[in-house]
C-alpha atoms as a PDB file:
ATOM      1  CA  MET A   1     -25.636  10.460  -7.066  1.00  0.00           C
ATOM      2  CA  LYS A   2     -24.161   6.509  -8.322  1.00  0.00           C
ATOM      3  CA  LYS A   3     -20.710   5.448  -6.502  1.00  0.00           C
ATOM      4  CA  GLN A   4     -18.389   5.002  -9.194  1.00  0.00           C
ATOM      5  CA  LYS A   5     -16.989   1.480  -9.118  1.00  0.00           C
ATOM      6  CA  ILE A   6     -12.963   1.534  -8.476  1.00  0.00           C
ATOM      7  CA  GLU A   7     -10.428  -0.660 -10.337  1.00  0.00           C
ATOM      8  CA  ILE A   8      -7.085  -2.249  -8.264  1.00  0.00           C
ATOM      9  CA  SER A   9      -4.835  -4.242 -10.167  1.00  0.00           C
ATOM     10  CA  ASP A  10      -3.823  -7.844 -10.574  1.00  0.00           C
ATOM     11  CA  TYR A  11      -0.185  -6.385  -9.400  1.00  0.00           C
ATOM     12  CA  CYS A  12      -2.407  -3.719  -6.815  1.00  0.00           C
ATOM     13  CA  ARG A  13      -3.250  -6.731  -4.713  1.00  0.00           C
ATOM     14  CA  LEU A  14      -0.208  -9.314  -5.057  1.00  0.00           C
ATOM     15  CA  GLN A  15       1.062  -6.557  -3.191  1.00  0.00           C
ATOM     16  CA  ILE A  16      -1.531  -5.287  -0.982  1.00  0.00           C
ATOM     17  CA  GLN A  17      -1.416  -8.824  -0.289  1.00  0.00           C
ATOM     18  CA  GLY A  18       2.441  -8.836   0.398  1.00  0.00           C
ATOM     19  CA  VAL A  19       1.868  -6.734   2.993  1.00  0.00           C
ATOM     20  CA  LYS A  20      -0.656  -8.490   5.049  1.00  0.00           C
ATOM     21  CA  ASP A  21       1.547 -11.375   4.996  1.00  0.00           C
ATOM     22  CA  THR A  22       4.753  -9.541   6.340  1.00  0.00           C
ATOM     23  CA  GLN A  23       2.474  -7.720   8.551  1.00  0.00           C
ATOM     24  CA  ASP A  24       0.479 -10.673   9.765  1.00  0.00           C
ATOM     25  CA  LEU A  25       4.269 -12.602  10.593  1.00  0.00           C
ATOM     26  CA  LEU A  26       5.960  -9.276  11.355  1.00  0.00           C
ATOM     27  CA  SER A  27       2.767  -8.061  13.462  1.00  0.00           C
ATOM     28  CA  GLY A  28       2.850  -6.916  17.556  1.00  0.00           C
ATOM     29  CA  LYS A  29       5.027  -5.021  19.586  1.00  0.00           C
ATOM     30  CA  TRP A  30       8.542  -7.652  19.621  1.00  0.00           C
ATOM     31  CA  LYS A  31       8.641  -9.761  16.872  1.00  0.00           C
ATOM     32  CA  LYS A  32      10.806  -6.823  14.459  1.00  0.00           C
ATOM     33  CA  VAL A  33      12.480  -6.514  17.747  1.00  0.00           C
ATOM     34  CA  ILE A  34      13.920  -8.901  17.725  1.00  0.00           C
ATOM     35  CA  VAL A  35      14.279  -9.855  14.694  1.00  0.00           C
ATOM     36  CA  VAL A  36      16.947  -6.988  15.136  1.00  0.00           C
ATOM     37  CA  ALA A  37      18.623  -7.360  18.072  1.00  0.00           C
ATOM     38  CA  LEU A  38      19.461 -11.233  16.183  1.00  0.00           C
ATOM     39  CA  PHE A  39      20.722  -9.761  13.142  1.00  0.00           C
ATOM     40  CA  TYR A  40      23.055  -8.108  15.206  1.00  0.00           C
ATOM     41  CA  ASN A  41      23.992 -10.984  17.604  1.00  0.00           C
ATOM     42  CA  PRO A  42      23.809 -13.772  15.614  1.00  0.00           C
ATOM     43  CA  LYS A  43      23.856 -16.647  17.901  1.00  0.00           C
ATOM     44  CA  ILE A  44      22.626 -15.157  21.080  1.00  0.00           C
ATOM     45  CA  ARG A  45      21.467 -17.348  24.531  1.00  0.00           C
ATOM     46  CA  PHE A  46      18.241 -16.108  25.631  1.00  0.00           C
ATOM     47  CA  MET A  47      18.767 -14.480  28.519  1.00  0.00           C
ATOM     48  CA  ASP A  48      20.880 -12.506  26.835  1.00  0.00           C
ATOM     49  CA  LEU A  49      18.262 -12.089  24.913  1.00  0.00           C
ATOM     50  CA  VAL A  50      15.655 -10.483  27.426  1.00  0.00           C
ATOM     51  CA  ARG A  51      19.043  -8.442  28.179  1.00  0.00           C
ATOM     52  CA  HIS A  52      19.947  -6.774  25.047  1.00  0.00           C
ATOM     53  CA  ILE A  53      16.027  -6.130  24.903  1.00  0.00           C
ATOM     54  CA  GLU A  54      14.660  -3.211  26.995  1.00  0.00           C
ATOM     55  CA  ASP A  55      11.538  -4.272  28.939  1.00  0.00           C
ATOM     56  CA  ILE A  56      10.911  -7.419  27.767  1.00  0.00           C
ATOM     57  CA  ALA A  57       9.446 -10.024  29.900  1.00  0.00           C
ATOM     58  CA  PRO A  58      10.861 -13.517  29.770  1.00  0.00           C
ATOM     59  CA  LYS A  59       7.901 -15.464  28.703  1.00  0.00           C
ATOM     60  CA  VAL A  60       6.806 -12.584  26.335  1.00  0.00           C
ATOM     61  CA  LEU A  61      10.513 -13.426  24.332  1.00  0.00           C
ATOM     62  CA  SER A  62       9.217 -16.893  24.817  1.00  0.00           C
ATOM     63  CA  LYS A  63       6.325 -16.537  23.376  1.00  0.00           C
ATOM     64  CA  GLU A  64       7.467 -14.588  20.744  1.00  0.00           C
ATOM     65  CA  LEU A  65      10.171 -16.358  19.443  1.00  0.00           C
ATOM     66  CA  LYS A  66       8.129 -19.777  19.163  1.00  0.00           C
ATOM     67  CA  ASP A  67       6.613 -17.371  16.389  1.00  0.00           C
ATOM     68  CA  LEU A  68       8.619 -16.775  14.729  1.00  0.00           C
ATOM     69  CA  GLU A  69      10.331 -20.317  14.917  1.00  0.00           C
ATOM     70  CA  ALA A  70       7.147 -21.448  13.521  1.00  0.00           C
ATOM     71  CA  ASN A  71       7.536 -19.256  10.943  1.00  0.00           C
ATOM     72  CA  GLN A  72      10.727 -19.912   9.855  1.00  0.00           C
ATOM     73  CA  LEU A  73      12.733 -16.695  11.047  1.00  0.00           C
ATOM     74  CA  VAL A  74      13.832 -18.256  14.042  1.00  0.00           C
ATOM     75  CA  LYS A  75      16.251 -20.951  14.344  1.00  0.00           C
ATOM     76  CA  ARG A  76      16.372 -22.647  18.043  1.00  0.00           C
ATOM     77  CA  THR A  77      20.004 -24.698  18.931  1.00  0.00           C
ATOM     78  CA  VAL A  78      19.134 -26.417  22.200  1.00  0.00           C
ATOM     79  CA  LEU A  79      23.389 -26.624  23.278  1.00  0.00           C
ATOM     80  CA  ASP A  80      24.709 -30.197  24.691  1.00  0.00           C
ATOM     81  CA  THR A  81      25.637 -28.422  28.251  1.00  0.00           C
ATOM     82  CA  MET A  82      25.114 -28.399  32.395  1.00  0.00           C
ATOM     83  CA  PRO A  83      22.495 -26.472  32.436  1.00  0.00           C
ATOM     84  CA  ILE A  84      21.147 -26.681  29.247  1.00  0.00           C
ATOM     85  CA  THR A  85      21.692 -23.887  26.613  1.00  0.00           C
ATOM     86  CA  VAL A  86      19.581 -22.281  24.731  1.00  0.00           C
ATOM     87  CA  GLU A  87      20.793 -19.684  21.525  1.00  0.00           C
ATOM     88  CA  TYR A  88      19.591 -17.974  19.043  1.00  0.00           C
ATOM     89  CA  GLU A  89      19.566 -17.414  15.402  1.00  0.00           C
ATOM     90  CA  LEU A  90      17.982 -16.013  12.249  1.00  0.00           C
ATOM     91  CA  THR A  91      17.363 -19.051   9.439  1.00  0.00           C
ATOM     92  CA  GLU A  92      18.155 -17.551   5.956  1.00  0.00           C
ATOM     93  CA  TYR A  93      14.723 -16.376   5.539  1.00  0.00           C
ATOM     94  CA  GLY A  94      15.081 -14.682   9.050  1.00  0.00           C
ATOM     95  CA  LYS A  95      18.076 -12.748   7.472  1.00  0.00           C
ATOM     96  CA  SER A  96      16.123 -12.079   4.033  1.00  0.00           C
ATOM     97  CA  LEU A  97      14.228  -8.729   7.104  1.00  0.00           C
ATOM     98  CA  ASN A  98      16.496  -7.074   6.530  1.00  0.00           C
ATOM     99  CA  LYS A  99      16.330  -4.395   4.335  1.00  0.00           C
ATOM    100  CA  ILE A 100      13.111  -3.932   5.895  1.00  0.00           C
ATOM    101  CA  VAL A 101      13.874  -4.190   8.871  1.00  0.00           C
ATOM    102  CA  THR A 102      16.608  -1.477   7.697  1.00  0.00           C
ATOM    103  CA  GLU A 103      14.528   0.978   6.199  1.00  0.00           C
ATOM    104  CA  MET A 104      11.735   0.966   9.300  1.00  0.00           C
ATOM    105  CA  ALA A 105      14.562   2.194  11.564  1.00  0.00           C
ATOM    106  CA  LYS A 106      15.971   4.747   9.552  1.00  0.00           C
ATOM    107  CA  TRP A 107      12.560   6.081   8.488  1.00  0.00           C
ATOM    108  CA  GLY A 108      11.846   5.942  13.010  1.00  0.00           C
ATOM    109  CA  ILE A 109      15.075   7.916  13.102  1.00  0.00           C
ATOM    110  CA  HIS A 110      14.713  10.448  11.121  1.00  0.00           C
ATOM    111  CA  TYR A 111      11.416  10.997  12.126  1.00  0.00           C
ATOM    112  CA  ARG A 112      12.215  10.932  15.826  1.00  0.00           C
ATOM    113  CA  GLU A 113      14.567  13.551  15.153  1.00  0.00           C
ATOM    114  CA  THR A 114      12.445  15.725  12.975  1.00  0.00           C
ATOM    115  CA  ILE A 115       9.640  15.349  15.560  1.00  0.00           C
ATOM    116  CA  PHE A 116      11.964  16.067  18.839  1.00  0.00           C
ATOM    117  CA  ARG A 117      13.789  19.384  17.223  1.00  0.00           C
ATOM    118  CA  SER A 118      10.130  20.610  16.724  1.00  0.00           C
END
């Protein structure tokens, strides 16, 4: 039997590429969690962020913040204090992820409630 070729529209290709790009930017276990934490805690210090996000190691947080900063989602500010203090905040670009992570959170909460009810 001959396989039928399926045409994919340009719009569908564009949507797939957009999802892949977003997935690449927010890949891993922690990046989305960090974005949410920064959304609800603007201008937060590194160690406060470590304490705020359960189970994240400081080394992992540091690496993920560097990745988010390199992709212009997070701004790092070194304050002129003794000892030196570093604050993190979302950029406008990072804040634009709010709808995405909010919908993910809603879905996750609903899913968890549904599963535990079963």
